[in-house]
Amino acid sequence: MPTKKLMLLLVVFAVLLSVGSACGPGDVEADLGEEFSLAIGKKAVITGEDLEIRFKEVSEDSRCARDVVCPWEGRVKCLLEITSDGVSEEITLTQPGLTDQPAQEFYRGYVFTFNVEPYPEEAEKQIKSSEYRLVLTVTMDEPDDTWAKRAAVSID
């Protein structure tokens, strides 16, 4: 009898572990407005939203290294797989080079504010795929209510 209880307890524990581990090692759960970092191949689940973001690859990195002068600042492009409402699609985030400012992209009512790290410091040093990190904050796209605010102001 104690063996059956132990087996039942182990089965229940295994089921709870499989249900509770929607995120694998290196995956992230984040709230809207919370900054997080993803390595290539890892995903983030946005808490309270039907939104999952997987960082698939850096498809281009032509950013001008800090130790040289370039005729063009270059850019870095990241391919993401976005899953929402059970539908997956790929989008590309693009950040220009020679800036420390985060870039922004819009996707179905969300704003993705991001940086791709590391920045190339030396022209001769190639960044390895395993070194890339996408530092991302997801927020809701607020409608531009400037007109509504102006309309609410009374003129005397």
N, C-alpha and C. Protein backbone atom coordinates (compact mmCIF):
# COMPACT_ATOMS: atom_id res chain seq x y z
N MET A 1 0.81 -1.21 0.00
CA MET A 1 0.00 0.00 0.00
C MET A 1 0.85 1.27 0.00
N PRO A 2 1.90 1.36 0.83
CA PRO A 2 2.73 2.57 0.79
C PRO A 2 3.40 2.77 -0.56
N THR A 3 3.70 1.71 -1.28
CA THR A 3 4.32 1.83 -2.59
C THR A 3 3.36 2.49 -3.58
N LYS A 4 2.08 2.14 -3.52
CA LYS A 4 1.09 2.75 -4.42
C LYS A 4 0.95 4.25 -4.14
N LYS A 5 0.95 4.62 -2.87
CA LYS A 5 0.86 6.05 -2.52
C LYS A 5 2.09 6.80 -3.01
N LEU A 6 3.25 6.18 -2.85
CA LEU A 6 4.48 6.81 -3.30
C LEU A 6 4.47 6.97 -4.82
N MET A 7 4.02 5.96 -5.53
CA MET A 7 3.94 6.03 -6.99
C MET A 7 2.97 7.12 -7.43
N LEU A 8 1.80 7.19 -6.77
CA LEU A 8 0.82 8.22 -7.09
C LEU A 8 1.40 9.60 -6.83
N LEU A 9 2.09 9.77 -5.73
CA LEU A 9 2.72 11.04 -5.40
C LEU A 9 3.76 11.42 -6.45
N LEU A 10 4.56 10.47 -6.90
CA LEU A 10 5.56 10.73 -7.94
C LEU A 10 4.91 11.13 -9.26
N VAL A 11 3.82 10.47 -9.62
CA VAL A 11 3.11 10.80 -10.86
C VAL A 11 2.55 12.21 -10.78
N VAL A 12 1.92 12.56 -9.67
CA VAL A 12 1.36 13.90 -9.48
C VAL A 12 2.48 14.95 -9.55
N PHE A 13 3.59 14.66 -8.91
CA PHE A 13 4.73 15.58 -8.92
C PHE A 13 5.26 15.77 -10.35
N ALA A 14 5.38 14.70 -11.11
CA ALA A 14 5.86 14.77 -12.49
C ALA A 14 4.92 15.59 -13.36
N VAL A 15 3.61 15.41 -13.18
CA VAL A 15 2.63 16.18 -13.95
C VAL A 15 2.73 17.66 -13.61
N LEU A 16 2.85 17.98 -12.34
CA LEU A 16 2.98 19.38 -11.92
C LEU A 16 4.25 20.01 -12.49
N LEU A 17 5.33 19.26 -12.51
CA LEU A 17 6.57 19.79 -13.08
C LEU A 17 6.43 20.06 -14.57
N SER A 18 5.79 19.17 -15.29
CA SER A 18 5.66 19.36 -16.74
C SER A 18 4.73 20.51 -17.06
N VAL A 19 3.69 20.71 -16.28
CA VAL A 19 2.75 21.81 -16.50
C VAL A 19 3.40 23.14 -16.11
N GLY A 20 4.14 23.15 -15.04
CA GLY A 20 4.72 24.39 -14.52
C GLY A 20 5.97 24.82 -15.23
N SER A 21 6.50 24.00 -16.12
CA SER A 21 7.76 24.37 -16.76
C SER A 21 7.55 24.72 -18.23
N ALA A 22 6.69 25.70 -18.49
CA ALA A 22 6.46 26.15 -19.87
C ALA A 22 7.71 26.79 -20.44
N CYS A 23 8.56 27.31 -19.55
CA CYS A 23 9.80 27.91 -19.98
C CYS A 23 10.94 26.95 -19.70
N GLY A 24 11.82 26.79 -20.66
CA GLY A 24 12.99 25.94 -20.48
C GLY A 24 14.15 26.73 -19.91
N PRO A 25 15.30 26.09 -19.76
CA PRO A 25 16.48 26.79 -19.24
C PRO A 25 16.84 27.97 -20.15
N GLY A 26 17.03 29.13 -19.55
CA GLY A 26 17.37 30.33 -20.32
C GLY A 26 16.17 31.08 -20.84
N ASP A 27 14.98 30.46 -20.77
CA ASP A 27 13.76 31.17 -21.17
C ASP A 27 13.34 32.12 -20.05
N VAL A 28 12.47 33.07 -20.37
CA VAL A 28 12.13 34.15 -19.46
C VAL A 28 10.63 34.33 -19.38
N GLU A 29 10.14 34.67 -18.21
CA GLU A 29 8.78 35.18 -18.03
C GLU A 29 8.92 36.63 -17.60
N ALA A 30 8.23 37.54 -18.28
CA ALA A 30 8.36 38.96 -17.98
C ALA A 30 7.00 39.63 -18.03
N ASP A 31 6.85 40.69 -17.26
CA ASP A 31 5.65 41.51 -17.28
C ASP A 31 5.79 42.59 -18.35
N LEU A 32 4.66 43.15 -18.78
CA LEU A 32 4.71 44.31 -19.66
C LEU A 32 5.52 45.41 -18.96
N GLY A 33 6.39 46.06 -19.70
CA GLY A 33 7.19 47.15 -19.13
C GLY A 33 8.45 46.69 -18.42
N GLU A 34 8.66 45.39 -18.31
CA GLU A 34 9.84 44.85 -17.63
C GLU A 34 10.91 44.50 -18.66
N GLU A 35 12.12 45.02 -18.43
CA GLU A 35 13.22 44.72 -19.34
C GLU A 35 13.73 43.30 -19.10
N PHE A 36 14.05 42.59 -20.19
CA PHE A 36 14.61 41.25 -20.07
C PHE A 36 15.61 41.03 -21.20
N SER A 37 16.39 39.99 -21.08
CA SER A 37 17.44 39.69 -22.05
C SER A 37 17.26 38.27 -22.56
N LEU A 38 17.40 38.10 -23.89
CA LEU A 38 17.29 36.79 -24.51
C LEU A 38 18.54 36.45 -25.29
N ALA A 39 19.01 35.22 -25.14
CA ALA A 39 20.05 34.68 -26.00
C ALA A 39 19.37 34.09 -27.24
N ILE A 40 20.14 33.89 -28.28
CA ILE A 40 19.59 33.27 -29.49
C ILE A 40 19.05 31.89 -29.15
N GLY A 41 17.84 31.61 -29.66
CA GLY A 41 17.19 30.33 -29.41
C GLY A 41 16.30 30.31 -28.19
N LYS A 42 16.34 31.36 -27.38
CA LYS A 42 15.54 31.41 -26.15
C LYS A 42 14.26 32.21 -26.38
N LYS A 43 13.30 32.02 -25.48
CA LYS A 43 12.01 32.70 -25.63
C LYS A 43 11.61 33.41 -24.35
N ALA A 44 10.70 34.34 -24.51
CA ALA A 44 10.10 35.06 -23.39
C ALA A 44 8.59 34.92 -23.50
N VAL A 45 7.96 34.69 -22.38
CA VAL A 45 6.50 34.67 -22.28
C VAL A 45 6.12 35.93 -21.51
N ILE A 46 5.26 36.74 -22.11
CA ILE A 46 4.84 37.98 -21.46
C ILE A 46 3.63 37.67 -20.59
N THR A 47 3.81 37.82 -19.29
CA THR A 47 2.81 37.48 -18.29
C THR A 47 1.53 38.30 -18.49
N GLY A 48 0.39 37.61 -18.48
CA GLY A 48 -0.90 38.28 -18.60
C GLY A 48 -1.28 38.63 -20.02
N GLU A 49 -0.41 38.32 -20.97
CA GLU A 49 -0.67 38.59 -22.38
C GLU A 49 -0.56 37.25 -23.12
N ASP A 50 -1.23 37.15 -24.22
CA ASP A 50 -1.09 35.97 -25.06
C ASP A 50 0.04 36.24 -26.05
N LEU A 51 1.26 36.32 -25.52
CA LEU A 51 2.40 36.75 -26.33
C LEU A 51 3.65 35.99 -25.91
N GLU A 52 4.26 35.33 -26.90
CA GLU A 52 5.50 34.61 -26.70
C GLU A 52 6.49 35.07 -27.77
N ILE A 53 7.71 35.38 -27.36
CA ILE A 53 8.71 35.93 -28.26
C ILE A 53 9.94 35.02 -28.24
N ARG A 54 10.34 34.50 -29.39
CA ARG A 54 11.55 33.68 -29.49
C ARG A 54 12.58 34.42 -30.35
N PHE A 55 13.79 34.57 -29.82
CA PHE A 55 14.90 35.19 -30.53
C PHE A 55 15.55 34.11 -31.39
N LYS A 56 15.27 34.13 -32.70
CA LYS A 56 15.73 33.07 -33.59
C LYS A 56 17.17 33.24 -34.05
N GLU A 57 17.52 34.45 -34.50
CA GLU A 57 18.88 34.64 -35.00
C GLU A 57 19.17 36.11 -35.23
N VAL A 58 20.45 36.42 -35.35
CA VAL A 58 20.90 37.71 -35.86
C VAL A 58 21.14 37.47 -37.35
N SER A 59 20.29 38.04 -38.18
CA SER A 59 20.38 37.79 -39.62
C SER A 59 21.37 38.72 -40.32
N GLU A 60 21.70 39.83 -39.67
CA GLU A 60 22.69 40.76 -40.23
C GLU A 60 23.29 41.56 -39.09
N ASP A 61 24.60 41.76 -39.14
CA ASP A 61 25.26 42.67 -38.21
C ASP A 61 26.35 43.40 -38.98
N SER A 62 25.99 44.56 -39.49
CA SER A 62 26.93 45.37 -40.27
C SER A 62 27.27 46.66 -39.51
N ARG A 63 27.04 46.66 -38.19
CA ARG A 63 27.30 47.87 -37.40
C ARG A 63 28.78 48.23 -37.46
N CYS A 64 29.03 49.52 -37.58
CA CYS A 64 30.39 50.03 -37.62
C CYS A 64 31.02 49.86 -36.25
N ALA A 65 32.18 49.20 -36.21
CA ALA A 65 32.89 49.01 -34.95
C ALA A 65 33.36 50.35 -34.41
N ARG A 66 33.49 50.44 -33.10
CA ARG A 66 33.86 51.71 -32.46
C ARG A 66 35.30 52.14 -32.79
N ASP A 67 36.16 51.20 -33.19
CA ASP A 67 37.56 51.54 -33.40
C ASP A 67 37.88 51.97 -34.83
N VAL A 68 36.86 52.16 -35.67
CA VAL A 68 37.10 52.58 -37.06
C VAL A 68 36.12 53.68 -37.46
N VAL A 69 36.42 54.34 -38.57
CA VAL A 69 35.51 55.34 -39.15
C VAL A 69 34.87 54.68 -40.36
N CYS A 70 33.56 54.74 -40.44
CA CYS A 70 32.84 54.07 -41.52
C CYS A 70 32.01 55.08 -42.30
N PRO A 71 31.80 54.84 -43.60
CA PRO A 71 30.96 55.73 -44.39
C PRO A 71 29.47 55.56 -44.06
N TRP A 72 29.13 54.44 -43.41
CA TRP A 72 27.75 54.14 -43.04
C TRP A 72 27.77 53.52 -41.65
N GLU A 73 26.79 53.87 -40.84
CA GLU A 73 26.77 53.36 -39.45
C GLU A 73 26.45 51.88 -39.36
N GLY A 74 25.88 51.31 -40.41
CA GLY A 74 25.50 49.90 -40.39
C GLY A 74 24.23 49.67 -39.59
N ARG A 75 23.94 48.40 -39.39
CA ARG A 75 22.73 48.04 -38.64
C ARG A 75 22.85 46.59 -38.20
N VAL A 76 21.98 46.23 -37.27
CA VAL A 76 21.87 44.85 -36.84
C VAL A 76 20.40 44.46 -36.96
N LYS A 77 20.16 43.27 -37.52
CA LYS A 77 18.79 42.77 -37.70
C LYS A 77 18.63 41.47 -36.93
N CYS A 78 17.55 41.39 -36.17
CA CYS A 78 17.25 40.19 -35.40
C CYS A 78 15.93 39.60 -35.87
N LEU A 79 15.94 38.31 -36.09
CA LEU A 79 14.72 37.60 -36.50
C LEU A 79 14.06 37.03 -35.25
N LEU A 80 12.78 37.38 -35.07
CA LEU A 80 12.00 36.88 -33.94
C LEU A 80 10.83 36.06 -34.45
N GLU A 81 10.44 35.07 -33.67
CA GLU A 81 9.20 34.35 -33.91
C GLU A 81 8.23 34.78 -32.81
N ILE A 82 7.12 35.36 -33.22
CA ILE A 82 6.11 35.84 -32.28
C ILE A 82 4.91 34.91 -32.36
N THR A 83 4.46 34.43 -31.20
CA THR A 83 3.27 33.60 -31.14
C THR A 83 2.23 34.34 -30.31
N SER A 84 1.05 34.54 -30.92
CA SER A 84 -0.05 35.23 -30.26
C SER A 84 -1.35 34.66 -30.80
N ASP A 85 -2.29 34.40 -29.92
CA ASP A 85 -3.58 33.82 -30.32
C ASP A 85 -3.39 32.52 -31.10
N GLY A 86 -2.37 31.75 -30.74
CA GLY A 86 -2.12 30.47 -31.38
C GLY A 86 -1.50 30.55 -32.76
N VAL A 87 -1.17 31.76 -33.21
CA VAL A 87 -0.60 31.95 -34.54
C VAL A 87 0.84 32.45 -34.39
N SER A 88 1.74 31.81 -35.13
CA SER A 88 3.15 32.23 -35.10
C SER A 88 3.51 32.93 -36.40
N GLU A 89 4.30 33.99 -36.27
CA GLU A 89 4.83 34.66 -37.44
C GLU A 89 6.19 35.23 -37.10
N GLU A 90 6.98 35.47 -38.12
CA GLU A 90 8.31 36.01 -37.94
C GLU A 90 8.33 37.50 -38.23
N ILE A 91 9.06 38.23 -37.40
CA ILE A 91 9.27 39.66 -37.64
C ILE A 91 10.76 39.94 -37.49
N THR A 92 11.20 41.04 -38.06
CA THR A 92 12.59 41.45 -37.96
C THR A 92 12.68 42.77 -37.22
N LEU A 93 13.53 42.81 -36.20
CA LEU A 93 13.83 44.05 -35.49
C LEU A 93 15.14 44.58 -36.05
N THR A 94 15.19 45.87 -36.35
CA THR A 94 16.39 46.49 -36.91
C THR A 94 16.82 47.65 -36.04
N GLN A 95 18.11 47.64 -35.67
CA GLN A 95 18.68 48.72 -34.87
C GLN A 95 19.87 49.30 -35.63
N PRO A 96 19.91 50.63 -35.79
CA PRO A 96 21.05 51.23 -36.48
C PRO A 96 22.31 51.15 -35.62
N GLY A 97 23.45 51.24 -36.30
CA GLY A 97 24.72 51.26 -35.60
C GLY A 97 25.07 52.65 -35.10
N LEU A 98 26.19 52.74 -34.38
CA LEU A 98 26.74 53.99 -33.86
C LEU A 98 25.77 54.78 -33.00
N THR A 99 24.97 54.07 -32.22
CA THR A 99 24.08 54.73 -31.27
C THR A 99 23.98 53.89 -30.01
N ASP A 100 23.83 54.57 -28.89
CA ASP A 100 23.60 53.88 -27.63
C ASP A 100 22.11 53.90 -27.28
N GLN A 101 21.33 54.52 -28.15
CA GLN A 101 19.89 54.63 -27.91
C GLN A 101 19.18 53.35 -28.32
N PRO A 102 18.22 52.90 -27.53
CA PRO A 102 17.44 51.72 -27.95
C PRO A 102 16.57 52.06 -29.17
N ALA A 103 16.29 51.05 -29.95
CA ALA A 103 15.40 51.20 -31.10
C ALA A 103 14.00 50.77 -30.70
N GLN A 104 13.01 51.12 -31.52
CA GLN A 104 11.63 50.71 -31.28
C GLN A 104 11.01 50.16 -32.55
N GLU A 105 10.23 49.11 -32.37
CA GLU A 105 9.42 48.54 -33.45
C GLU A 105 8.03 48.31 -32.88
N PHE A 106 7.03 48.38 -33.74
CA PHE A 106 5.65 48.19 -33.32
C PHE A 106 5.12 46.89 -33.90
N TYR A 107 4.35 46.17 -33.08
CA TYR A 107 3.77 44.90 -33.52
C TYR A 107 2.41 44.70 -32.87
N ARG A 108 1.35 44.76 -33.65
CA ARG A 108 -0.02 44.45 -33.22
C ARG A 108 -0.38 45.02 -31.85
N GLY A 109 -0.20 46.29 -31.68
CA GLY A 109 -0.58 46.95 -30.43
C GLY A 109 0.49 46.94 -29.36
N TYR A 110 1.66 46.37 -29.65
CA TYR A 110 2.76 46.35 -28.71
C TYR A 110 3.91 47.20 -29.24
N VAL A 111 4.70 47.74 -28.31
CA VAL A 111 5.91 48.46 -28.65
C VAL A 111 7.08 47.63 -28.13
N PHE A 112 8.02 47.29 -29.01
CA PHE A 112 9.23 46.58 -28.63
C PHE A 112 10.36 47.61 -28.60
N THR A 113 10.88 47.89 -27.43
CA THR A 113 12.02 48.78 -27.26
C THR A 113 13.22 47.89 -26.97
N PHE A 114 14.30 48.02 -27.77
CA PHE A 114 15.35 47.01 -27.69
C PHE A 114 16.74 47.54 -28.01
N ASN A 115 17.72 46.80 -27.53
CA ASN A 115 19.13 46.94 -27.87
C ASN A 115 19.66 45.57 -28.19
N VAL A 116 20.60 45.50 -29.10
CA VAL A 116 21.28 44.25 -29.39
C VAL A 116 22.70 44.37 -28.86
N GLU A 117 23.08 43.45 -28.00
CA GLU A 117 24.40 43.46 -27.38
C GLU A 117 25.15 42.19 -27.74
N PRO A 118 26.46 42.23 -27.73
CA PRO A 118 27.33 43.38 -27.50
C PRO A 118 27.47 44.23 -28.77
N TYR A 119 27.93 45.46 -28.57
CA TYR A 119 28.22 46.31 -29.71
C TYR A 119 29.64 45.98 -30.18
N PRO A 120 29.86 45.93 -31.50
CA PRO A 120 31.22 45.64 -31.99
C PRO A 120 32.21 46.73 -31.57
N GLU A 121 33.24 46.34 -30.86
CA GLU A 121 34.25 47.30 -30.41
C GLU A 121 35.42 47.37 -31.38
N GLU A 122 35.79 46.23 -31.96
CA GLU A 122 36.94 46.17 -32.86
C GLU A 122 36.51 45.57 -34.19
N ALA A 123 36.96 46.19 -35.27
CA ALA A 123 36.57 45.74 -36.61
C ALA A 123 37.03 44.31 -36.88
N GLU A 124 38.14 43.92 -36.33
CA GLU A 124 38.70 42.60 -36.61
C GLU A 124 38.11 41.49 -35.73
N LYS A 125 37.34 41.86 -34.74
CA LYS A 125 36.80 40.84 -33.81
C LYS A 125 35.34 40.54 -34.16
N GLN A 126 35.09 39.31 -34.60
CA GLN A 126 33.73 38.86 -34.95
C GLN A 126 32.97 38.48 -33.68
N ILE A 127 31.71 38.89 -33.58
CA ILE A 127 30.86 38.50 -32.45
C ILE A 127 30.31 37.10 -32.72
N LYS A 128 30.49 36.22 -31.75
CA LYS A 128 29.99 34.86 -31.89
C LYS A 128 28.48 34.84 -31.66
N SER A 129 27.81 33.93 -32.32
CA SER A 129 26.36 33.78 -32.18
C SER A 129 25.96 33.61 -30.72
N SER A 130 26.75 32.87 -29.97
CA SER A 130 26.43 32.60 -28.56
C SER A 130 26.58 33.83 -27.67
N GLU A 131 27.23 34.89 -28.17
CA GLU A 131 27.45 36.10 -27.38
C GLU A 131 26.31 37.11 -27.50
N TYR A 132 25.51 37.00 -28.55
CA TYR A 132 24.45 37.99 -28.77
C TYR A 132 23.37 37.91 -27.71
N ARG A 133 22.88 39.07 -27.30
CA ARG A 133 21.74 39.18 -26.40
C ARG A 133 20.82 40.27 -26.94
N LEU A 134 19.53 39.96 -26.94
CA LEU A 134 18.51 40.94 -27.28
C LEU A 134 17.93 41.44 -25.97
N VAL A 135 18.16 42.70 -25.66
CA VAL A 135 17.64 43.32 -24.44
C VAL A 135 16.36 44.04 -24.84
N LEU A 136 15.23 43.58 -24.30
CA LEU A 136 13.93 43.96 -24.83
C LEU A 136 12.97 44.35 -23.71
N THR A 137 12.16 45.36 -23.99
CA THR A 137 11.05 45.75 -23.12
C THR A 137 9.81 45.81 -24.00
N VAL A 138 8.74 45.14 -23.58
CA VAL A 138 7.49 45.13 -24.33
C VAL A 138 6.46 45.95 -23.55
N THR A 139 5.86 46.92 -24.22
CA THR A 139 4.79 47.73 -23.62
C THR A 139 3.62 47.76 -24.59
N MET A 140 2.50 48.29 -24.12
CA MET A 140 1.34 48.47 -24.99
C MET A 140 1.52 49.76 -25.77
N ASP A 141 1.08 49.75 -27.01
CA ASP A 141 1.12 50.93 -27.87
C ASP A 141 -0.05 51.82 -27.47
N GLU A 142 0.26 52.94 -26.83
CA GLU A 142 -0.78 53.86 -26.39
C GLU A 142 -1.22 54.71 -27.57
N PRO A 143 -2.53 54.83 -27.77
CA PRO A 143 -2.99 55.67 -28.88
C PRO A 143 -2.59 57.12 -28.63
N ASP A 144 -2.33 57.81 -29.70
CA ASP A 144 -1.96 59.22 -29.60
C ASP A 144 -3.20 60.02 -29.24
N ASP A 145 -3.23 60.50 -28.00
CA ASP A 145 -4.41 61.24 -27.55
C ASP A 145 -4.14 62.74 -27.50
N THR A 146 -3.13 63.21 -28.22
CA THR A 146 -2.81 64.63 -28.24
C THR A 146 -4.00 65.45 -28.71
N TRP A 147 -4.66 65.00 -29.77
CA TRP A 147 -5.82 65.72 -30.28
C TRP A 147 -6.92 65.79 -29.23
N ALA A 148 -7.16 64.67 -28.53
CA ALA A 148 -8.21 64.64 -27.51
C ALA A 148 -7.87 65.60 -26.37
N LYS A 149 -6.60 65.67 -25.99
CA LYS A 149 -6.19 66.60 -24.92
C LYS A 149 -6.39 68.03 -25.36
N ARG A 150 -6.03 68.32 -26.61
CA ARG A 150 -6.20 69.68 -27.12
C ARG A 150 -7.70 70.05 -27.19
N ALA A 151 -8.52 69.09 -27.58
CA ALA A 151 -9.95 69.35 -27.72
C ALA A 151 -10.59 69.59 -26.35
N ALA A 152 -10.00 69.01 -25.29
CA ALA A 152 -10.57 69.16 -23.97
C ALA A 152 -10.23 70.52 -23.34
N VAL A 153 -9.25 71.21 -23.91
CA VAL A 153 -8.87 72.52 -23.37
C VAL A 153 -9.90 73.54 -23.83
N SER A 154 -10.44 74.27 -22.88
CA SER A 154 -11.43 75.28 -23.26
C SER A 154 -10.75 76.61 -23.56
N ILE A 155 -11.28 77.31 -24.51
CA ILE A 155 -10.74 78.62 -24.88
C ILE A 155 -11.67 79.66 -24.32
N ASP A 156 -11.11 80.57 -23.52
CA ASP A 156 -11.90 81.64 -22.92
C ASP A 156 -11.86 82.90 -23.73
